[in-house]
Amino acid sequence: MMKQLVFLVFVFSTLAFGDIRFAQPEPSIDKPREVVMGISHGDDESIHHGLSTANNLLKFYGPEKIHLRIVAYYHGIRTLLKSEKEIALRVRALQQYGVEFVACGNTMETKKITPDQLTPDVEVVSAGIAEVIERATEGAFYIQP
């Protein structure tokens, strides 16, 4: 009797929590999901959570079906410092899959960070939060893990 109950719970759970149904139009190479992510906290947990979220999105959609820009501002600028060896390694790996990283120029000025202190291939914009707003206005989904 107990085995039957466990089996029924398993079957119900599988049916109730099926795979995600894509919204239309489904993401494609020609029309990938547009996503902009903000990282504003500089602690290890927040940074690694943001980078793991990016990795999970790449795994779910496939790198060819998502266009992801990660904007680092305020304390989150630490994400893009090449002196942060472990974090920089993860950033470089995500860049290999097409993830774009953007640094906030205002934050860099406030914290006295120069472009040569950033991980290579990071774009610098004048205001990180304005970058987030403009990409969202263009239709990108905004997430902040």
N, C-alpha and C. Protein backbone atom coordinates (compact mmCIF):
# COMPACT_ATOMS: atom_id res chain seq x y z
N MET A 1 0.83 -1.20 0.00
CA MET A 1 0.00 0.00 0.00
C MET A 1 0.87 1.26 0.00
N MET A 2 1.91 1.28 0.82
CA MET A 2 2.79 2.44 0.88
C MET A 2 3.51 2.63 -0.44
N LYS A 3 3.95 1.55 -1.07
CA LYS A 3 4.64 1.66 -2.36
C LYS A 3 3.72 2.25 -3.42
N GLN A 4 2.45 1.87 -3.39
CA GLN A 4 1.49 2.41 -4.35
C GLN A 4 1.29 3.91 -4.13
N LEU A 5 1.23 4.32 -2.88
CA LEU A 5 1.06 5.73 -2.56
C LEU A 5 2.26 6.54 -3.04
N VAL A 6 3.46 6.04 -2.77
CA VAL A 6 4.67 6.72 -3.22
C VAL A 6 4.68 6.81 -4.73
N PHE A 7 4.31 5.73 -5.41
CA PHE A 7 4.27 5.72 -6.88
C PHE A 7 3.27 6.75 -7.41
N LEU A 8 2.08 6.82 -6.81
CA LEU A 8 1.07 7.79 -7.24
C LEU A 8 1.55 9.22 -7.02
N VAL A 9 2.21 9.49 -5.91
CA VAL A 9 2.74 10.83 -5.65
C VAL A 9 3.80 11.17 -6.70
N PHE A 10 4.66 10.20 -7.03
CA PHE A 10 5.69 10.41 -8.05
C PHE A 10 5.06 10.73 -9.40
N VAL A 11 4.07 9.94 -9.81
CA VAL A 11 3.41 10.16 -11.10
C VAL A 11 2.73 11.51 -11.12
N PHE A 12 2.02 11.87 -10.06
CA PHE A 12 1.34 13.16 -10.00
C PHE A 12 2.35 14.30 -10.07
N SER A 13 3.46 14.18 -9.34
CA SER A 13 4.49 15.22 -9.34
C SER A 13 5.06 15.42 -10.73
N THR A 14 5.29 14.33 -11.43
CA THR A 14 5.84 14.40 -12.78
C THR A 14 4.87 15.10 -13.72
N LEU A 15 3.58 14.80 -13.59
CA LEU A 15 2.58 15.44 -14.44
C LEU A 15 2.36 16.89 -14.06
N ALA A 16 2.35 17.17 -12.77
CA ALA A 16 2.08 18.53 -12.30
C ALA A 16 3.26 19.48 -12.57
N PHE A 17 4.44 18.96 -12.55
CA PHE A 17 5.62 19.79 -12.73
C PHE A 17 6.37 19.39 -13.99
N GLY A 18 5.69 19.45 -15.11
CA GLY A 18 6.29 19.10 -16.39
C GLY A 18 7.26 20.15 -16.85
N ASP A 19 7.70 20.00 -18.07
CA ASP A 19 8.67 20.93 -18.64
C ASP A 19 8.02 22.29 -18.90
N ILE A 20 8.85 23.29 -19.06
CA ILE A 20 8.38 24.65 -19.29
C ILE A 20 7.84 24.78 -20.71
N ARG A 21 6.71 25.42 -20.84
CA ARG A 21 6.12 25.68 -22.15
C ARG A 21 6.59 27.06 -22.60
N PHE A 22 7.21 27.12 -23.77
CA PHE A 22 7.73 28.39 -24.27
C PHE A 22 6.60 29.32 -24.68
N ALA A 23 6.78 30.59 -24.40
CA ALA A 23 5.89 31.63 -24.90
C ALA A 23 6.15 31.78 -26.40
N GLN A 24 5.17 32.27 -27.11
CA GLN A 24 5.32 32.47 -28.55
C GLN A 24 5.73 33.90 -28.85
N PRO A 25 6.58 34.15 -29.77
CA PRO A 25 7.29 33.15 -30.54
C PRO A 25 8.40 32.51 -29.70
N GLU A 26 8.63 31.22 -29.94
CA GLU A 26 9.68 30.52 -29.22
C GLU A 26 11.03 31.13 -29.56
N PRO A 27 11.97 31.08 -28.62
CA PRO A 27 13.30 31.62 -28.92
C PRO A 27 13.96 30.83 -30.04
N SER A 28 14.68 31.54 -30.89
CA SER A 28 15.36 30.89 -32.01
C SER A 28 16.68 31.61 -32.27
N ILE A 29 17.44 31.08 -33.18
CA ILE A 29 18.71 31.73 -33.55
C ILE A 29 18.43 33.12 -34.11
N ASP A 30 17.36 33.23 -34.91
CA ASP A 30 17.01 34.51 -35.52
C ASP A 30 16.36 35.48 -34.53
N LYS A 31 15.69 34.96 -33.52
CA LYS A 31 14.99 35.80 -32.54
C LYS A 31 15.24 35.24 -31.14
N PRO A 32 16.47 35.45 -30.62
CA PRO A 32 16.77 34.93 -29.28
C PRO A 32 16.06 35.73 -28.19
N ARG A 33 15.94 35.13 -27.02
CA ARG A 33 15.41 35.88 -25.87
C ARG A 33 16.44 36.96 -25.52
N GLU A 34 15.96 38.16 -25.34
CA GLU A 34 16.81 39.29 -24.95
C GLU A 34 16.70 39.48 -23.44
N VAL A 35 17.82 39.39 -22.75
CA VAL A 35 17.83 39.49 -21.29
C VAL A 35 18.95 40.42 -20.85
N VAL A 36 18.64 41.30 -19.92
CA VAL A 36 19.65 42.13 -19.29
C VAL A 36 19.60 41.84 -17.79
N MET A 37 20.76 41.58 -17.21
CA MET A 37 20.84 41.25 -15.80
C MET A 37 21.70 42.29 -15.09
N GLY A 38 21.24 42.72 -13.94
CA GLY A 38 22.02 43.63 -13.13
C GLY A 38 22.69 42.91 -11.98
N ILE A 39 23.94 43.25 -11.73
CA ILE A 39 24.63 42.77 -10.52
C ILE A 39 25.09 44.02 -9.78
N SER A 40 24.48 44.26 -8.61
CA SER A 40 24.81 45.47 -7.86
C SER A 40 25.40 45.17 -6.48
N HIS A 41 25.39 43.91 -6.08
CA HIS A 41 25.97 43.54 -4.79
C HIS A 41 27.35 42.93 -5.01
N GLY A 42 28.28 43.24 -4.12
CA GLY A 42 29.66 42.83 -4.32
C GLY A 42 30.13 41.67 -3.47
N ASP A 43 29.24 41.04 -2.71
CA ASP A 43 29.66 39.90 -1.90
C ASP A 43 29.77 38.64 -2.78
N ASP A 44 30.59 37.70 -2.36
CA ASP A 44 30.82 36.48 -3.14
C ASP A 44 29.53 35.77 -3.51
N GLU A 45 28.63 35.61 -2.54
CA GLU A 45 27.40 34.87 -2.78
C GLU A 45 26.56 35.53 -3.88
N SER A 46 26.40 36.83 -3.84
CA SER A 46 25.59 37.54 -4.85
C SER A 46 26.22 37.44 -6.23
N ILE A 47 27.53 37.62 -6.31
CA ILE A 47 28.21 37.56 -7.60
C ILE A 47 28.12 36.15 -8.18
N HIS A 48 28.44 35.14 -7.38
CA HIS A 48 28.39 33.77 -7.89
C HIS A 48 26.96 33.34 -8.24
N HIS A 49 26.00 33.84 -7.48
CA HIS A 49 24.59 33.54 -7.81
C HIS A 49 24.22 34.14 -9.17
N GLY A 50 24.64 35.36 -9.42
CA GLY A 50 24.37 35.99 -10.71
C GLY A 50 25.03 35.23 -11.86
N LEU A 51 26.28 34.85 -11.68
CA LEU A 51 26.98 34.11 -12.74
C LEU A 51 26.39 32.72 -12.94
N SER A 52 25.95 32.09 -11.86
CA SER A 52 25.29 30.78 -11.98
C SER A 52 23.94 30.91 -12.69
N THR A 53 23.23 31.99 -12.42
CA THR A 53 21.96 32.25 -13.12
C THR A 53 22.21 32.38 -14.61
N ALA A 54 23.25 33.12 -14.98
CA ALA A 54 23.61 33.25 -16.40
C ALA A 54 23.92 31.88 -17.01
N ASN A 55 24.68 31.08 -16.29
CA ASN A 55 25.02 29.74 -16.76
C ASN A 55 23.76 28.89 -16.94
N ASN A 56 22.84 28.97 -16.00
CA ASN A 56 21.60 28.20 -16.09
C ASN A 56 20.76 28.63 -17.29
N LEU A 57 20.72 29.94 -17.56
CA LEU A 57 19.98 30.42 -18.73
C LEU A 57 20.60 29.89 -20.02
N LEU A 58 21.93 29.89 -20.09
CA LEU A 58 22.62 29.35 -21.28
C LEU A 58 22.30 27.87 -21.46
N LYS A 59 22.29 27.12 -20.36
CA LYS A 59 21.99 25.68 -20.45
C LYS A 59 20.55 25.46 -20.89
N PHE A 60 19.62 26.25 -20.35
CA PHE A 60 18.21 26.04 -20.68
C PHE A 60 17.90 26.42 -22.13
N TYR A 61 18.28 27.61 -22.53
CA TYR A 61 17.93 28.09 -23.87
C TYR A 61 18.92 27.65 -24.94
N GLY A 62 20.16 27.45 -24.55
CA GLY A 62 21.23 27.24 -25.52
C GLY A 62 21.80 28.60 -25.86
N PRO A 63 23.13 28.71 -25.97
CA PRO A 63 23.74 30.03 -26.17
C PRO A 63 23.30 30.73 -27.45
N GLU A 64 22.80 29.99 -28.41
CA GLU A 64 22.37 30.61 -29.67
C GLU A 64 20.95 31.16 -29.60
N LYS A 65 20.23 30.86 -28.51
CA LYS A 65 18.83 31.29 -28.41
C LYS A 65 18.59 32.28 -27.28
N ILE A 66 19.68 32.87 -26.77
CA ILE A 66 19.56 33.90 -25.75
C ILE A 66 20.66 34.93 -25.95
N HIS A 67 20.30 36.19 -25.81
CA HIS A 67 21.27 37.29 -25.86
C HIS A 67 21.26 37.90 -24.47
N LEU A 68 22.34 37.70 -23.74
CA LEU A 68 22.41 38.10 -22.33
C LEU A 68 23.49 39.15 -22.12
N ARG A 69 23.07 40.28 -21.54
CA ARG A 69 24.01 41.35 -21.14
C ARG A 69 23.95 41.46 -19.63
N ILE A 70 25.11 41.37 -19.00
CA ILE A 70 25.20 41.51 -17.55
C ILE A 70 25.85 42.85 -17.25
N VAL A 71 25.11 43.70 -16.54
CA VAL A 71 25.57 45.04 -16.21
C VAL A 71 25.97 45.06 -14.74
N ALA A 72 27.24 45.39 -14.50
CA ALA A 72 27.76 45.45 -13.13
C ALA A 72 27.88 46.91 -12.71
N TYR A 73 27.27 47.24 -11.59
CA TYR A 73 27.32 48.60 -11.07
C TYR A 73 27.33 48.55 -9.55
N TYR A 74 27.60 49.68 -8.94
CA TYR A 74 27.73 49.81 -7.49
C TYR A 74 28.75 48.76 -7.00
N HIS A 75 28.48 48.06 -5.91
CA HIS A 75 29.46 47.09 -5.41
C HIS A 75 29.62 45.89 -6.36
N GLY A 76 28.65 45.68 -7.23
CA GLY A 76 28.71 44.57 -8.18
C GLY A 76 29.82 44.72 -9.21
N ILE A 77 30.44 45.91 -9.30
CA ILE A 77 31.53 46.13 -10.24
C ILE A 77 32.68 45.15 -9.96
N ARG A 78 32.74 44.66 -8.74
CA ARG A 78 33.76 43.66 -8.36
C ARG A 78 33.72 42.45 -9.30
N THR A 79 32.55 42.16 -9.84
CA THR A 79 32.38 41.04 -10.77
C THR A 79 33.34 41.14 -11.95
N LEU A 80 33.69 42.35 -12.34
CA LEU A 80 34.44 42.56 -13.57
C LEU A 80 35.91 42.90 -13.35
N LEU A 81 36.38 42.83 -12.12
CA LEU A 81 37.78 43.13 -11.85
C LEU A 81 38.65 41.91 -12.15
N LYS A 82 39.68 42.11 -12.97
CA LYS A 82 40.54 40.97 -13.31
C LYS A 82 41.37 40.52 -12.12
N SER A 83 41.50 41.35 -11.10
CA SER A 83 42.22 40.95 -9.87
C SER A 83 41.45 39.90 -9.08
N GLU A 84 40.17 39.77 -9.33
CA GLU A 84 39.34 38.74 -8.69
C GLU A 84 39.44 37.47 -9.53
N LYS A 85 40.51 36.72 -9.34
CA LYS A 85 40.89 35.62 -10.24
C LYS A 85 39.78 34.60 -10.47
N GLU A 86 39.16 34.10 -9.41
CA GLU A 86 38.13 33.06 -9.54
C GLU A 86 36.91 33.59 -10.29
N ILE A 87 36.49 34.79 -9.95
CA ILE A 87 35.33 35.40 -10.60
C ILE A 87 35.66 35.70 -12.06
N ALA A 88 36.84 36.25 -12.31
CA ALA A 88 37.26 36.58 -13.68
C ALA A 88 37.27 35.34 -14.57
N LEU A 89 37.65 34.21 -14.01
CA LEU A 89 37.65 32.95 -14.77
C LEU A 89 36.22 32.59 -15.21
N ARG A 90 35.26 32.78 -14.32
CA ARG A 90 33.87 32.49 -14.66
C ARG A 90 33.34 33.48 -15.69
N VAL A 91 33.71 34.75 -15.54
CA VAL A 91 33.29 35.77 -16.51
C VAL A 91 33.82 35.42 -17.89
N ARG A 92 35.10 35.09 -17.98
CA ARG A 92 35.72 34.74 -19.27
C ARG A 92 35.02 33.53 -19.89
N ALA A 93 34.67 32.54 -19.08
CA ALA A 93 33.98 31.36 -19.60
C ALA A 93 32.61 31.73 -20.18
N LEU A 94 31.89 32.59 -19.49
CA LEU A 94 30.58 33.03 -20.00
C LEU A 94 30.73 33.86 -21.27
N GLN A 95 31.77 34.66 -21.34
CA GLN A 95 32.02 35.44 -22.55
C GLN A 95 32.24 34.52 -23.75
N GLN A 96 32.83 33.37 -23.53
CA GLN A 96 33.06 32.41 -24.63
C GLN A 96 31.75 31.93 -25.22
N TYR A 97 30.67 32.02 -24.45
CA TYR A 97 29.35 31.61 -24.92
C TYR A 97 28.49 32.80 -25.35
N GLY A 98 29.12 33.94 -25.52
CA GLY A 98 28.41 35.10 -26.05
C GLY A 98 27.79 36.03 -25.03
N VAL A 99 27.97 35.77 -23.75
CA VAL A 99 27.44 36.68 -22.73
C VAL A 99 28.27 37.96 -22.76
N GLU A 100 27.59 39.09 -22.80
CA GLU A 100 28.25 40.39 -22.82
C GLU A 100 28.25 40.98 -21.41
N PHE A 101 29.39 41.53 -21.02
CA PHE A 101 29.52 42.16 -19.71
C PHE A 101 29.73 43.65 -19.88
N VAL A 102 29.05 44.42 -19.03
CA VAL A 102 29.05 45.88 -19.12
C VAL A 102 29.37 46.45 -17.74
N ALA A 103 30.30 47.38 -17.72
CA ALA A 103 30.68 48.05 -16.47
C ALA A 103 30.11 49.45 -16.44
N CYS A 104 29.71 49.89 -15.26
CA CYS A 104 29.18 51.24 -15.06
C CYS A 104 30.32 52.23 -14.90
N GLY A 105 30.41 53.19 -15.81
CA GLY A 105 31.44 54.21 -15.75
C GLY A 105 31.33 55.08 -14.51
N ASN A 106 30.12 55.40 -14.08
CA ASN A 106 29.95 56.20 -12.86
C ASN A 106 30.55 55.48 -11.65
N THR A 107 30.26 54.20 -11.55
CA THR A 107 30.81 53.41 -10.44
C THR A 107 32.33 53.37 -10.52
N MET A 108 32.84 53.17 -11.74
CA MET A 108 34.29 53.10 -11.91
C MET A 108 34.94 54.41 -11.45
N GLU A 109 34.32 55.52 -11.81
CA GLU A 109 34.85 56.83 -11.42
C GLU A 109 34.82 57.00 -9.90
N THR A 110 33.69 56.64 -9.30
CA THR A 110 33.54 56.77 -7.85
C THR A 110 34.54 55.90 -7.10
N LYS A 111 34.76 54.68 -7.61
CA LYS A 111 35.65 53.73 -6.93
C LYS A 111 37.09 53.80 -7.45
N LYS A 112 37.36 54.76 -8.33
CA LYS A 112 38.71 54.95 -8.88
C LYS A 112 39.22 53.68 -9.58
N ILE A 113 38.36 53.08 -10.40
CA ILE A 113 38.71 51.89 -11.17
C ILE A 113 38.98 52.33 -12.61
N THR A 114 40.08 51.91 -13.16
CA THR A 114 40.43 52.24 -14.55
C THR A 114 40.08 51.06 -15.46
N PRO A 115 39.84 51.32 -16.74
CA PRO A 115 39.47 50.24 -17.66
C PRO A 115 40.47 49.08 -17.71
N ASP A 116 41.75 49.36 -17.50
CA ASP A 116 42.75 48.29 -17.54
C ASP A 116 42.65 47.36 -16.33
N GLN A 117 41.86 47.71 -15.33
CA GLN A 117 41.65 46.84 -14.18
C GLN A 117 40.51 45.85 -14.42
N LEU A 118 39.81 46.02 -15.52
CA LEU A 118 38.66 45.15 -15.82
C LEU A 118 39.09 43.92 -16.61
N THR A 119 38.30 42.88 -16.49
CA THR A 119 38.48 41.69 -17.31
C THR A 119 38.42 42.12 -18.77
N PRO A 120 39.22 41.52 -19.65
CA PRO A 120 39.19 41.91 -21.07
C PRO A 120 37.79 41.76 -21.69
N ASP A 121 37.55 42.56 -22.70
CA ASP A 121 36.32 42.53 -23.49
C ASP A 121 35.08 42.94 -22.72
N VAL A 122 35.25 43.79 -21.72
CA VAL A 122 34.12 44.35 -20.98
C VAL A 122 33.83 45.72 -21.56
N GLU A 123 32.57 45.97 -21.85
CA GLU A 123 32.15 47.28 -22.36
C GLU A 123 31.93 48.22 -21.18
N VAL A 124 32.34 49.45 -21.32
CA VAL A 124 32.10 50.46 -20.29
C VAL A 124 31.07 51.45 -20.83
N VAL A 125 30.02 51.69 -20.04
CA VAL A 125 29.00 52.69 -20.39
C VAL A 125 29.01 53.76 -19.30
N SER A 126 28.48 54.92 -19.63
CA SER A 126 28.52 56.01 -18.66
C SER A 126 27.71 55.71 -17.40
N ALA A 127 26.53 55.13 -17.54
CA ALA A 127 25.66 54.86 -16.38
C ALA A 127 25.06 53.46 -16.52
N GLY A 128 25.47 52.57 -15.63
CA GLY A 128 25.00 51.18 -15.69
C GLY A 128 23.50 51.03 -15.58
N ILE A 129 22.90 51.75 -14.66
CA ILE A 129 21.45 51.62 -14.46
C ILE A 129 20.70 52.15 -15.67
N ALA A 130 21.23 53.18 -16.33
CA ALA A 130 20.60 53.68 -17.55
C ALA A 130 20.71 52.63 -18.67
N GLU A 131 21.82 51.90 -18.71
CA GLU A 131 21.97 50.81 -19.67
C GLU A 131 20.88 49.76 -19.48
N VAL A 132 20.63 49.42 -18.21
CA VAL A 132 19.57 48.45 -17.90
C VAL A 132 18.22 48.97 -18.39
N ILE A 133 17.92 50.22 -18.10
CA ILE A 133 16.64 50.82 -18.49
C ILE A 133 16.50 50.84 -20.02
N GLU A 134 17.54 51.23 -20.71
CA GLU A 134 17.47 51.31 -22.18
C GLU A 134 17.29 49.94 -22.82
N ARG A 135 17.97 48.94 -22.31
CA ARG A 135 17.80 47.58 -22.88
C ARG A 135 16.40 47.05 -22.57
N ALA A 136 15.89 47.33 -21.39
CA ALA A 136 14.52 46.91 -21.05
C ALA A 136 13.51 47.64 -21.93
N THR A 137 13.75 48.92 -22.21
CA THR A 137 12.86 49.69 -23.07
C THR A 137 12.83 49.10 -24.48
N GLU A 138 13.95 48.54 -24.91
CA GLU A 138 14.02 47.89 -26.22
C GLU A 138 13.35 46.52 -26.23
N GLY A 139 12.92 46.04 -25.04
CA GLY A 139 12.22 44.77 -24.98
C GLY A 139 12.94 43.66 -24.26
N ALA A 140 14.14 43.91 -23.75
CA ALA A 140 14.85 42.88 -23.02
C ALA A 140 14.16 42.65 -21.67
N PHE A 141 14.18 41.40 -21.24
CA PHE A 141 13.69 41.06 -19.89
C PHE A 141 14.76 41.45 -18.90
N TYR A 142 14.36 42.12 -17.83
CA TYR A 142 15.31 42.50 -16.80
C TYR A 142 15.23 41.53 -15.64
N ILE A 143 16.37 40.99 -15.26
CA ILE A 143 16.42 40.13 -14.07
C ILE A 143 17.55 40.60 -13.17
N GLN A 144 17.33 40.45 -11.88
CA GLN A 144 18.38 40.72 -10.90
C GLN A 144 18.30 39.61 -9.87
N PRO A 145 19.16 38.60 -10.06
CA PRO A 145 19.09 37.43 -9.15
C PRO A 145 19.43 37.79 -7.71
